Amino acid sequence: MEQYKIIPCNNGVGEWEISPTHETFDTRQQAEERLKELQSNDYKQLIKILDFEFNHKLDFANQKPKEVIDYVKDFLEGKTEYDISNLFPKDEVLSLINKLDEESEVLND
């Protein structure tokens, strides 16, 4: 899964664009603000999935994002006390985690 990144815009519509969405911006600051918003939306989607899927009410929303990501990675690798259901949306969760890489502003909050 491709991660969001800011790249120079080559089509003349703006100076910067976000790959892979192809949204264009006149300034780097505008692109950075939108990137942060996209990453935040991905993180919110991840929390929604976790809240729905975990029958043990773990308070993911009030944990630090980095702690949540690390926990989910451990969970997916079978390193926690919880078993992964066959119905768990593993591919979707992995996709979101891959987008929320170490450089994500969301993980630095």
PDB file of N, CA and C in Angstrom:
ATOM      1  N   MET A   1       0.850  -1.179   0.000  1.00  0.00           N
ATOM      2  CA  MET A   1       0.000   0.000   0.000  1.00  0.00           C
ATOM      3  C   MET A   1       0.892   1.237   0.000  1.00  0.00           C
ATOM      4  N   GLU A   2       0.611   2.125  -0.899  1.00  0.00           N
ATOM      5  CA  GLU A   2       1.381   3.340  -1.033  1.00  0.00           C
ATOM      6  C   GLU A   2       1.056   4.320   0.090  1.00  0.00           C
ATOM      7  N   GLN A   3       2.074   4.972   0.616  1.00  0.00           N
ATOM      8  CA  GLN A   3       1.890   5.944   1.679  1.00  0.00           C
ATOM      9  C   GLN A   3       1.713   7.331   1.092  1.00  0.00           C
ATOM     10  N   TYR A   4       1.061   8.190   1.853  1.00  0.00           N
ATOM     11  CA  TYR A   4       0.926   9.576   1.427  1.00  0.00           C
ATOM     12  C   TYR A   4       2.287  10.257   1.500  1.00  0.00           C
ATOM     13  N   LYS A   5       2.584  11.059   0.499  1.00  0.00           N
ATOM     14  CA  LYS A   5       3.817  11.857   0.558  1.00  0.00           C
ATOM     15  C   LYS A   5       3.639  13.099  -0.303  1.00  0.00           C
ATOM     16  N   ILE A   6       4.373  14.121   0.059  1.00  0.00           N
ATOM     17  CA  ILE A   6       4.335  15.386  -0.670  1.00  0.00           C
ATOM     18  C   ILE A   6       5.442  15.352  -1.716  1.00  0.00           C
ATOM     19  N   ILE A   7       5.051  15.664  -2.949  1.00  0.00           N
ATOM     20  CA  ILE A   7       6.020  15.676  -4.046  1.00  0.00           C
ATOM     21  C   ILE A   7       5.819  16.954  -4.869  1.00  0.00           C
ATOM     22  N   PRO A   8       6.838  17.381  -5.608  1.00  0.00           N
ATOM     23  CA  PRO A   8       6.646  18.533  -6.486  1.00  0.00           C
ATOM     24  C   PRO A   8       5.579  18.229  -7.536  1.00  0.00           C
ATOM     25  N   CYS A   9       4.779  19.208  -7.851  1.00  0.00           N
ATOM     26  CA  CYS A   9       3.719  19.051  -8.844  1.00  0.00           C
ATOM     27  C   CYS A   9       4.300  19.354 -10.227  1.00  0.00           C
ATOM     28  N   ASN A  10       4.136  18.434 -11.143  1.00  0.00           N
ATOM     29  CA  ASN A  10       4.704  18.590 -12.481  1.00  0.00           C
ATOM     30  C   ASN A  10       3.679  18.920 -13.559  1.00  0.00           C
ATOM     31  N   ASN A  11       2.393  19.046 -13.171  1.00  0.00           N
ATOM     32  CA  ASN A  11       1.378  19.274 -14.204  1.00  0.00           C
ATOM     33  C   ASN A  11       0.982  20.743 -14.360  1.00  0.00           C
ATOM     34  N   GLY A  12       1.618  21.627 -13.586  1.00  0.00           N
ATOM     35  CA  GLY A  12       1.365  23.048 -13.735  1.00  0.00           C
ATOM     36  C   GLY A  12       0.156  23.580 -12.989  1.00  0.00           C
ATOM     37  N   VAL A  13      -0.573  22.709 -12.303  1.00  0.00           N
ATOM     38  CA  VAL A  13      -1.768  23.141 -11.575  1.00  0.00           C
ATOM     39  C   VAL A  13      -1.390  23.781 -10.244  1.00  0.00           C
ATOM     40  N   GLY A  14      -0.315  23.330  -9.633  1.00  0.00           N
ATOM     41  CA  GLY A  14       0.159  23.859  -8.360  1.00  0.00           C
ATOM     42  C   GLY A  14       1.649  23.608  -8.250  1.00  0.00           C
ATOM     43  N   GLU A  15       2.195  23.969  -7.103  1.00  0.00           N
ATOM     44  CA  GLU A  15       3.625  23.750  -6.874  1.00  0.00           C
ATOM     45  C   GLU A  15       3.896  22.387  -6.237  1.00  0.00           C
ATOM     46  N   TRP A  16       2.945  21.908  -5.418  1.00  0.00           N
ATOM     47  CA  TRP A  16       3.114  20.662  -4.670  1.00  0.00           C
ATOM     48  C   TRP A  16       1.873  19.790  -4.835  1.00  0.00           C
ATOM     49  N   GLU A  17       2.056  18.484  -4.685  1.00  0.00           N
ATOM     50  CA  GLU A  17       0.905  17.587  -4.682  1.00  0.00           C
ATOM     51  C   GLU A  17       1.146  16.468  -3.682  1.00  0.00           C
ATOM     52  N   ILE A  18       0.049  15.844  -3.286  1.00  0.00           N
ATOM     53  CA  ILE A  18       0.141  14.698  -2.391  1.00  0.00           C
ATOM     54  C   ILE A  18      -0.062  13.445  -3.234  1.00  0.00           C
ATOM     55  N   SER A  19       0.889  12.564  -3.145  1.00  0.00           N
ATOM     56  CA  SER A  19       0.805  11.277  -3.826  1.00  0.00           C
ATOM     57  C   SER A  19       0.271  10.281  -2.797  1.00  0.00           C
ATOM     58  N   PRO A  20      -0.610   9.405  -3.118  1.00  0.00           N
ATOM     59  CA  PRO A  20      -1.168   9.085  -4.419  1.00  0.00           C
ATOM     60  C   PRO A  20      -2.503   9.766  -4.713  1.00  0.00           C
ATOM     61  N   THR A  21      -2.921  10.749  -3.923  1.00  0.00           N
ATOM     62  CA  THR A  21      -4.246  11.358  -4.144  1.00  0.00           C
ATOM     63  C   THR A  21      -4.257  12.350  -5.301  1.00  0.00           C
ATOM     64  N   HIS A  22      -3.090  12.897  -5.660  1.00  0.00           N
ATOM     65  CA  HIS A  22      -2.920  13.885  -6.722  1.00  0.00           C
ATOM     66  C   HIS A  22      -3.596  15.231  -6.411  1.00  0.00           C
ATOM     67  N   GLU A  23      -3.847  15.501  -5.131  1.00  0.00           N
ATOM     68  CA  GLU A  23      -4.351  16.820  -4.740  1.00  0.00           C
ATOM     69  C   GLU A  23      -3.202  17.811  -4.880  1.00  0.00           C
ATOM     70  N   THR A  24      -3.468  18.977  -5.458  1.00  0.00           N
ATOM     71  CA  THR A  24      -2.410  19.956  -5.698  1.00  0.00           C
ATOM     72  C   THR A  24      -2.566  21.171  -4.794  1.00  0.00           C
ATOM     73  N   PHE A  25      -1.424  21.825  -4.515  1.00  0.00           N
ATOM     74  CA  PHE A  25      -1.377  22.961  -3.598  1.00  0.00           C
ATOM     75  C   PHE A  25      -0.383  23.996  -4.104  1.00  0.00           C
ATOM     76  N   ASP A  26      -0.665  25.243  -3.785  1.00  0.00           N
ATOM     77  CA  ASP A  26       0.228  26.331  -4.186  1.00  0.00           C
ATOM     78  C   ASP A  26       1.442  26.443  -3.272  1.00  0.00           C
ATOM     79  N   THR A  27       1.282  26.054  -2.002  1.00  0.00           N
ATOM     80  CA  THR A  27       2.411  26.169  -1.064  1.00  0.00           C
ATOM     81  C   THR A  27       2.673  24.836  -0.384  1.00  0.00           C
ATOM     82  N   ARG A  28       3.891  24.669   0.053  1.00  0.00           N
ATOM     83  CA  ARG A  28       4.280  23.455   0.793  1.00  0.00           C
ATOM     84  C   ARG A  28       3.476  23.370   2.097  1.00  0.00           C
ATOM     85  N   GLN A  29       3.249  24.504   2.741  1.00  0.00           N
ATOM     86  CA  GLN A  29       2.508  24.525   3.999  1.00  0.00           C
ATOM     87  C   GLN A  29       1.085  23.981   3.806  1.00  0.00           C
ATOM     88  N   GLN A  30       0.427  24.375   2.727  1.00  0.00           N
ATOM     89  CA  GLN A  30      -0.916  23.858   2.444  1.00  0.00           C
ATOM     90  C   GLN A  30      -0.879  22.333   2.269  1.00  0.00           C
ATOM     91  N   ALA A  31       0.114  21.858   1.565  1.00  0.00           N
ATOM     92  CA  ALA A  31       0.250  20.420   1.341  1.00  0.00           C
ATOM     93  C   ALA A  31       0.514  19.694   2.662  1.00  0.00           C
ATOM     94  N   GLU A  32       1.352  20.275   3.518  1.00  0.00           N
ATOM     95  CA  GLU A  32       1.650  19.655   4.810  1.00  0.00           C
ATOM     96  C   GLU A  32       0.415  19.605   5.708  1.00  0.00           C
ATOM     97  N   GLU A  33      -0.405  20.652   5.676  1.00  0.00           N
ATOM     98  CA  GLU A  33      -1.629  20.663   6.467  1.00  0.00           C
ATOM     99  C   GLU A  33      -2.595  19.574   5.989  1.00  0.00           C
ATOM    100  N   ARG A  34      -2.723  19.420   4.683  1.00  0.00           N
ATOM    101  CA  ARG A  34      -3.603  18.394   4.138  1.00  0.00           C
ATOM    102  C   ARG A  34      -3.067  16.992   4.440  1.00  0.00           C
ATOM    103  N   LEU A  35      -1.749  16.822   4.354  1.00  0.00           N
ATOM    104  CA  LEU A  35      -1.135  15.537   4.668  1.00  0.00           C
ATOM    105  C   LEU A  35      -1.447  15.143   6.112  1.00  0.00           C
ATOM    106  N   LYS A  36      -1.317  16.082   7.009  1.00  0.00           N
ATOM    107  CA  LYS A  36      -1.615  15.830   8.418  1.00  0.00           C
ATOM    108  C   LYS A  36      -3.086  15.425   8.586  1.00  0.00           C
ATOM    109  N   GLU A  37      -3.971  16.071   7.849  1.00  0.00           N
ATOM    110  CA  GLU A  37      -5.396  15.751   7.903  1.00  0.00           C
ATOM    111  C   GLU A  37      -5.666  14.334   7.377  1.00  0.00           C
ATOM    112  N   LEU A  38      -5.041  13.969   6.277  1.00  0.00           N
ATOM    113  CA  LEU A  38      -5.209  12.623   5.728  1.00  0.00           C
ATOM    114  C   LEU A  38      -4.713  11.564   6.702  1.00  0.00           C
ATOM    115  N   GLN A  39      -3.565  11.810   7.315  1.00  0.00           N
ATOM    116  CA  GLN A  39      -3.017  10.863   8.270  1.00  0.00           C
ATOM    117  C   GLN A  39      -3.913  10.758   9.504  1.00  0.00           C
ATOM    118  N   SER A  40      -4.447  11.877   9.933  1.00  0.00           N
ATOM    119  CA  SER A  40      -5.352  11.878  11.081  1.00  0.00           C
ATOM    120  C   SER A  40      -6.611  11.071  10.767  1.00  0.00           C
ATOM    121  N   ASN A  41      -7.137  11.215   9.558  1.00  0.00           N
ATOM    122  CA  ASN A  41      -8.312  10.442   9.145  1.00  0.00           C
ATOM    123  C   ASN A  41      -8.016   8.942   9.143  1.00  0.00           C
ATOM    124  N   ASP A  42      -6.832   8.564   8.696  1.00  0.00           N
ATOM    125  CA  ASP A  42      -6.440   7.152   8.711  1.00  0.00           C
ATOM    126  C   ASP A  42      -6.382   6.630  10.142  1.00  0.00           C
ATOM    127  N   TYR A  43      -5.836   7.425  11.034  1.00  0.00           N
ATOM    128  CA  TYR A  43      -5.733   7.004  12.429  1.00  0.00           C
ATOM    129  C   TYR A  43      -7.122   6.870  13.055  1.00  0.00           C
ATOM    130  N   LYS A  44      -8.008   7.816  12.767  1.00  0.00           N
ATOM    131  CA  LYS A  44      -9.384   7.730  13.285  1.00  0.00           C
ATOM    132  C   LYS A  44     -10.078   6.481  12.768  1.00  0.00           C
ATOM    133  N   GLN A  45      -9.846   6.142  11.505  1.00  0.00           N
ATOM    134  CA  GLN A  45     -10.437   4.937  10.924  1.00  0.00           C
ATOM    135  C   GLN A  45      -9.894   3.695  11.626  1.00  0.00           C
ATOM    136  N   LEU A  46      -8.605   3.679  11.922  1.00  0.00           N
ATOM    137  CA  LEU A  46      -8.006   2.552  12.633  1.00  0.00           C
ATOM    138  C   LEU A  46      -8.650   2.393  14.011  1.00  0.00           C
ATOM    139  N   ILE A  47      -8.830   3.478  14.733  1.00  0.00           N
ATOM    140  CA  ILE A  47      -9.447   3.432  16.065  1.00  0.00           C
ATOM    141  C   ILE A  47     -10.879   2.914  15.972  1.00  0.00           C
ATOM    142  N   LYS A  48     -11.626   3.351  14.963  1.00  0.00           N
ATOM    143  CA  LYS A  48     -13.000   2.859  14.773  1.00  0.00           C
ATOM    144  C   LYS A  48     -13.021   1.341  14.602  1.00  0.00           C
ATOM    145  N   ILE A  49     -12.128   0.843  13.779  1.00  0.00           N
ATOM    146  CA  ILE A  49     -12.063  -0.601  13.542  1.00  0.00           C
ATOM    147  C   ILE A  49     -11.731  -1.333  14.841  1.00  0.00           C
ATOM    148  N   LEU A  50     -10.728  -0.846  15.553  1.00  0.00           N
ATOM    149  CA  LEU A  50     -10.314  -1.510  16.791  1.00  0.00           C
ATOM    150  C   LEU A  50     -11.427  -1.484  17.827  1.00  0.00           C
ATOM    151  N   ASP A  51     -12.089  -0.350  17.981  1.00  0.00           N
ATOM    152  CA  ASP A  51     -13.187  -0.254  18.941  1.00  0.00           C
ATOM    153  C   ASP A  51     -14.305  -1.226  18.602  1.00  0.00           C
ATOM    154  N   PHE A  52     -14.573  -1.399  17.325  1.00  0.00           N
ATOM    155  CA  PHE A  52     -15.633  -2.307  16.893  1.00  0.00           C
ATOM    156  C   PHE A  52     -15.223  -3.772  17.058  1.00  0.00           C
ATOM    157  N   GLU A  53     -13.996  -4.093  16.703  1.00  0.00           N
ATOM    158  CA  GLU A  53     -13.549  -5.485  16.638  1.00  0.00           C
ATOM    159  C   GLU A  53     -13.177  -6.091  17.986  1.00  0.00           C
ATOM    160  N   PHE A  54     -12.695  -5.282  18.904  1.00  0.00           N
ATOM    161  CA  PHE A  54     -12.254  -5.820  20.185  1.00  0.00           C
ATOM    162  C   PHE A  54     -13.428  -5.885  21.149  1.00  0.00           C
ATOM    163  N   ASN A  55     -13.808  -7.106  21.546  1.00  0.00           N
ATOM    164  CA  ASN A  55     -14.896  -7.234  22.498  1.00  0.00           C
ATOM    165  C   ASN A  55     -14.424  -6.916  23.918  1.00  0.00           C
ATOM    166  N   HIS A  56     -13.128  -6.909  24.136  1.00  0.00           N
ATOM    167  CA  HIS A  56     -12.565  -6.456  25.406  1.00  0.00           C
ATOM    168  C   HIS A  56     -12.379  -4.957  25.251  1.00  0.00           C
ATOM    169  N   LYS A  57     -13.108  -4.195  25.998  1.00  0.00           N
ATOM    170  CA  LYS A  57     -13.096  -2.740  25.807  1.00  0.00           C
ATOM    171  C   LYS A  57     -11.749  -2.134  26.199  1.00  0.00           C
ATOM    172  N   LEU A  58     -10.876  -2.097  25.252  1.00  0.00           N
ATOM    173  CA  LEU A  58      -9.596  -1.426  25.436  1.00  0.00           C
ATOM    174  C   LEU A  58      -9.778   0.017  24.979  1.00  0.00           C
ATOM    175  N   ASP A  59      -9.258   0.941  25.719  1.00  0.00           N
ATOM    176  CA  ASP A  59      -9.477   2.361  25.453  1.00  0.00           C
ATOM    177  C   ASP A  59      -8.431   2.891  24.465  1.00  0.00           C
ATOM    178  N   PHE A  60      -8.555   2.478  23.211  1.00  0.00           N
ATOM    179  CA  PHE A  60      -7.582   2.877  22.192  1.00  0.00           C
ATOM    180  C   PHE A  60      -7.572   4.388  21.968  1.00  0.00           C
ATOM    181  N   ALA A  61      -8.737   5.014  22.017  1.00  0.00           N
ATOM    182  CA  ALA A  61      -8.841   6.443  21.710  1.00  0.00           C
ATOM    183  C   ALA A  61      -8.055   7.314  22.675  1.00  0.00           C
ATOM    184  N   ASN A  62      -7.854   6.857  23.890  1.00  0.00           N
ATOM    185  CA  ASN A  62      -7.140   7.667  24.881  1.00  0.00           C
ATOM    186  C   ASN A  62      -5.689   7.255  25.067  1.00  0.00           C
ATOM    187  N   GLN A  63      -5.215   6.348  24.236  1.00  0.00           N
ATOM    188  CA  GLN A  63      -3.804   5.968  24.279  1.00  0.00           C
ATOM    189  C   GLN A  63      -3.027   6.806  23.275  1.00  0.00           C
ATOM    190  N   LYS A  64      -1.740   6.883  23.475  1.00  0.00           N
ATOM    191  CA  LYS A  64      -0.898   7.584  22.504  1.00  0.00           C
ATOM    192  C   LYS A  64      -0.888   6.793  21.209  1.00  0.00           C
ATOM    193  N   PRO A  65      -0.952   7.493  20.074  1.00  0.00           N
ATOM    194  CA  PRO A  65      -0.983   6.791  18.779  1.00  0.00           C
ATOM    195  C   PRO A  65       0.140   5.771  18.596  1.00  0.00           C
ATOM    196  N   LYS A  66       1.347   6.110  18.996  1.00  0.00           N
ATOM    197  CA  LYS A  66       2.477   5.183  18.832  1.00  0.00           C
ATOM    198  C   LYS A  66       2.233   3.902  19.627  1.00  0.00           C
ATOM    199  N   GLU A  67       1.660   4.036  20.843  1.00  0.00           N
ATOM    200  CA  GLU A  67       1.367   2.862  21.664  1.00  0.00           C
ATOM    201  C   GLU A  67       0.309   1.980  21.000  1.00  0.00           C
ATOM    202  N   VAL A  68      -0.692   2.600  20.402  1.00  0.00           N
ATOM    203  CA  VAL A  68      -1.738   1.844  19.715  1.00  0.00           C
ATOM    204  C   VAL A  68      -1.145   1.075  18.542  1.00  0.00           C
ATOM    205  N   ILE A  69      -0.348   1.753  17.735  1.00  0.00           N
ATOM    206  CA  ILE A  69       0.266   1.109  16.564  1.00  0.00           C
ATOM    207  C   ILE A  69       1.139  -0.062  17.001  1.00  0.00           C
ATOM    208  N   ASP A  70       1.964   0.151  18.027  1.00  0.00           N
ATOM    209  CA  ASP A  70       2.828  -0.921  18.511  1.00  0.00           C
ATOM    210  C   ASP A  70       2.001  -2.098  19.031  1.00  0.00           C
ATOM    211  N   TYR A  71       0.915  -1.810  19.756  1.00  0.00           N
ATOM    212  CA  TYR A  71       0.055  -2.874  20.268  1.00  0.00           C
ATOM    213  C   TYR A  71      -0.576  -3.656  19.117  1.00  0.00           C
ATOM    214  N   VAL A  72      -1.087  -2.947  18.125  1.00  0.00           N
ATOM    215  CA  VAL A  72      -1.745  -3.624  17.002  1.00  0.00           C
ATOM    216  C   VAL A  72      -0.741  -4.494  16.243  1.00  0.00           C
ATOM    217  N   LYS A  73       0.466  -4.006  16.070  1.00  0.00           N
ATOM    218  CA  LYS A  73       1.499  -4.827  15.412  1.00  0.00           C
ATOM    219  C   LYS A  73       1.732  -6.110  16.209  1.00  0.00           C
ATOM    220  N   ASP A  74       1.858  -5.976  17.540  1.00  0.00           N
ATOM    221  CA  ASP A  74       2.038  -7.158  18.390  1.00  0.00           C
ATOM    222  C   ASP A  74       0.837  -8.094  18.281  1.00  0.00           C
ATOM    223  N   PHE A  75      -0.365  -7.527  18.291  1.00  0.00           N
ATOM    224  CA  PHE A  75      -1.587  -8.315  18.162  1.00  0.00           C
ATOM    225  C   PHE A  75      -1.582  -9.114  16.859  1.00  0.00           C
ATOM    226  N   LEU A  76      -1.251  -8.451  15.763  1.00  0.00           N
ATOM    227  CA  LEU A  76      -1.251  -9.116  14.458  1.00  0.00           C
ATOM    228  C   LEU A  76      -0.178 -10.196  14.356  1.00  0.00           C
ATOM    229  N   GLU A  77       0.870 -10.065  15.160  1.00  0.00           N
ATOM    230  CA  GLU A  77       1.939 -11.068  15.176  1.00  0.00           C
ATOM    231  C   GLU A  77       1.705 -12.143  16.230  1.00  0.00           C
ATOM    232  N   GLY A  78       0.541 -12.103  16.912  1.00  0.00           N
ATOM    233  CA  GLY A  78       0.215 -13.113  17.917  1.00  0.00           C
ATOM    234  C   GLY A  78       0.958 -12.947  19.226  1.00  0.00           C
ATOM    235  N   LYS A  79       1.427 -11.757  19.525  1.00  0.00           N
ATOM    236  CA  LYS A  79       2.214 -11.502  20.728  1.00  0.00           C
ATOM    237  C   LYS A  79       1.389 -10.963  21.899  1.00  0.00           C
ATOM    238  N   THR A  80       0.068 -10.955  21.764  1.00  0.00           N
ATOM    239  CA  THR A  80      -0.787 -10.494  22.855  1.00  0.00           C
ATOM    240  C   THR A  80      -1.642 -11.660  23.342  1.00  0.00           C
ATOM    241  N   GLU A  81      -2.411 -11.409  24.389  1.00  0.00           N
ATOM    242  CA  GLU A  81      -3.267 -12.454  24.943  1.00  0.00           C
ATOM    243  C   GLU A  81      -4.538 -12.684  24.127  1.00  0.00           C
ATOM    244  N   TYR A  82      -4.768 -11.875  23.098  1.00  0.00           N
ATOM    245  CA  TYR A  82      -5.984 -11.973  22.298  1.00  0.00           C
ATOM    246  C   TYR A  82      -5.734 -12.750  21.013  1.00  0.00           C
ATOM    247  N   ASP A  83      -6.730 -13.537  20.643  1.00  0.00           N
ATOM    248  CA  ASP A  83      -6.664 -14.284  19.384  1.00  0.00           C
ATOM    249  C   ASP A  83      -7.295 -13.459  18.269  1.00  0.00           C
ATOM    250  N   ILE A  84      -6.781 -13.644  17.065  1.00  0.00           N
ATOM    251  CA  ILE A  84      -7.318 -12.943  15.905  1.00  0.00           C
ATOM    252  C   ILE A  84      -8.445 -13.771  15.311  1.00  0.00           C
ATOM    253  N   SER A  85      -9.609 -13.176  15.243  1.00  0.00           N
ATOM    254  CA  SER A  85     -10.760 -13.821  14.629  1.00  0.00           C
ATOM    255  C   SER A  85     -10.548 -13.905  13.113  1.00  0.00           C
ATOM    256  N   ASN A  86     -11.143 -14.915  12.500  1.00  0.00           N
ATOM    257  CA  ASN A  86     -11.097 -15.025  11.038  1.00  0.00           C
ATOM    258  C   ASN A  86     -11.805 -13.850  10.368  1.00  0.00           C
ATOM    259  N   LEU A  87     -12.686 -13.189  11.100  1.00  0.00           N
ATOM    260  CA  LEU A  87     -13.441 -12.061  10.552  1.00  0.00           C
ATOM    261  C   LEU A  87     -12.738 -10.717  10.756  1.00  0.00           C
ATOM    262  N   PHE A  88     -11.642 -10.715  11.504  1.00  0.00           N
ATOM    263  CA  PHE A  88     -10.922  -9.464  11.752  1.00  0.00           C
ATOM    264  C   PHE A  88     -10.379  -8.923  10.432  1.00  0.00           C
ATOM    265  N   PRO A  89     -10.596  -7.632  10.145  1.00  0.00           N
ATOM    266  CA  PRO A  89     -10.149  -7.048   8.858  1.00  0.00           C
ATOM    267  C   PRO A  89      -8.640  -6.772   8.837  1.00  0.00           C
ATOM    268  N   LYS A  90      -7.892  -7.841   8.878  1.00  0.00           N
ATOM    269  CA  LYS A  90      -6.426  -7.743   8.986  1.00  0.00           C
ATOM    270  C   LYS A  90      -5.801  -6.911   7.859  1.00  0.00           C
ATOM    271  N   ASP A  91      -6.233  -7.151   6.626  1.00  0.00           N
ATOM    272  CA  ASP A  91      -5.649  -6.428   5.488  1.00  0.00           C
ATOM    273  C   ASP A  91      -5.906  -4.926   5.589  1.00  0.00           C
ATOM    274  N   GLU A  92      -7.120  -4.550   5.981  1.00  0.00           N
ATOM    275  CA  GLU A  92      -7.443  -3.132   6.121  1.00  0.00           C
ATOM    276  C   GLU A  92      -6.624  -2.490   7.243  1.00  0.00           C
ATOM    277  N   VAL A  93      -6.490  -3.199   8.355  1.00  0.00           N
ATOM    278  CA  VAL A  93      -5.706  -2.678   9.483  1.00  0.00           C
ATOM    279  C   VAL A  93      -4.235  -2.549   9.085  1.00  0.00           C
ATOM    280  N   LEU A  94      -3.708  -3.554   8.421  1.00  0.00           N
ATOM    281  CA  LEU A  94      -2.311  -3.480   7.961  1.00  0.00           C
ATOM    282  C   LEU A  94      -2.100  -2.316   6.999  1.00  0.00           C
ATOM    283  N   SER A  95      -3.055  -2.104   6.122  1.00  0.00           N
ATOM    284  CA  SER A  95      -2.966  -0.998   5.178  1.00  0.00           C
ATOM    285  C   SER A  95      -2.908   0.336   5.910  1.00  0.00           C
ATOM    286  N   LEU A  96      -3.766   0.503   6.899  1.00  0.00           N
ATOM    287  CA  LEU A  96      -3.772   1.757   7.668  1.00  0.00           C
ATOM    288  C   LEU A  96      -2.477   1.936   8.447  1.00  0.00           C
ATOM    289  N   ILE A  97      -1.997   0.869   9.044  1.00  0.00           N
ATOM    290  CA  ILE A  97      -0.743   0.950   9.802  1.00  0.00           C
ATOM    291  C   ILE A  97       0.417   1.309   8.880  1.00  0.00           C
ATOM    292  N   ASN A  98       0.442   0.718   7.701  1.00  0.00           N
ATOM    293  CA  ASN A  98       1.520   1.027   6.758  1.00  0.00           C
ATOM    294  C   ASN A  98       1.494   2.491   6.337  1.00  0.00           C
ATOM    295  N   LYS A  99       0.303   3.050   6.215  1.00  0.00           N
ATOM    296  CA  LYS A  99       0.209   4.470   5.868  1.00  0.00           C
ATOM    297  C   LYS A  99       0.678   5.358   7.008  1.00  0.00           C
ATOM    298  N   LEU A 100       0.459   4.890   8.237  1.00  0.00           N
ATOM    299  CA  LEU A 100       0.859   5.659   9.413  1.00  0.00           C
ATOM    300  C   LEU A 100       2.285   5.270   9.807  1.00  0.00           C
ATOM    301  N   ASP A 101       3.201   5.613   8.955  1.00  0.00           N
ATOM    302  CA  ASP A 101       4.592   5.250   9.184  1.00  0.00           C
ATOM    303  C   ASP A 101       5.221   6.103  10.274  1.00  0.00           C
ATOM    304  N   GLU A 102       6.468   5.850  10.572  1.00  0.00           N
ATOM    305  CA  GLU A 102       7.181   6.542  11.653  1.00  0.00           C
ATOM    306  C   GLU A 102       7.289   8.053  11.431  1.00  0.00           C
ATOM    307  N   GLU A 103       7.194   8.508  10.205  1.00  0.00           N
ATOM    308  CA  GLU A 103       7.298   9.941   9.935  1.00  0.00           C
ATOM    309  C   GLU A 103       5.960  10.649  10.064  1.00  0.00           C
ATOM    310  N   SER A 104       4.906   9.901  10.330  1.00  0.00           N
ATOM    311  CA  SER A 104       3.569  10.489  10.426  1.00  0.00           C
ATOM    312  C   SER A 104       3.482  11.462  11.591  1.00  0.00           C
ATOM    313  N   GLU A 105       2.880  12.614  11.333  1.00  0.00           N
ATOM    314  CA  GLU A 105       2.653  13.596  12.389  1.00  0.00           C
ATOM    315  C   GLU A 105       1.714  13.039  13.454  1.00  0.00           C
ATOM    316  N   VAL A 106       0.834  12.140  13.067  1.00  0.00           N
ATOM    317  CA  VAL A 106      -0.102  11.547  14.017  1.00  0.00           C
ATOM    318  C   VAL A 106       0.642  10.793  15.100  1.00  0.00           C
ATOM    319  N   LEU A 107       1.688  10.072  14.736  1.00  0.00           N
ATOM    320  CA  LEU A 107       2.428   9.296  15.715  1.00  0.00           C
ATOM    321  C   LEU A 107       3.282  10.149  16.630  1.00  0.00           C
ATOM    322  N   ASN A 108       3.503  11.383  16.264  1.00  0.00           N
ATOM    323  CA  ASN A 108       4.309  12.279  17.090  1.00  0.00           C
ATOM    324  C   ASN A 108       3.486  13.050  18.098  1.00  0.00           C
ATOM    325  N   ASP A 109       2.160  12.876  18.076  1.00  0.00           N
ATOM    326  CA  ASP A 109       1.289  13.587  19.015  1.00  0.00           C
ATOM    327  C   ASP A 109       1.390  12.990  20.401  1.00  0.00           C
TER     328      ASP A 109
END
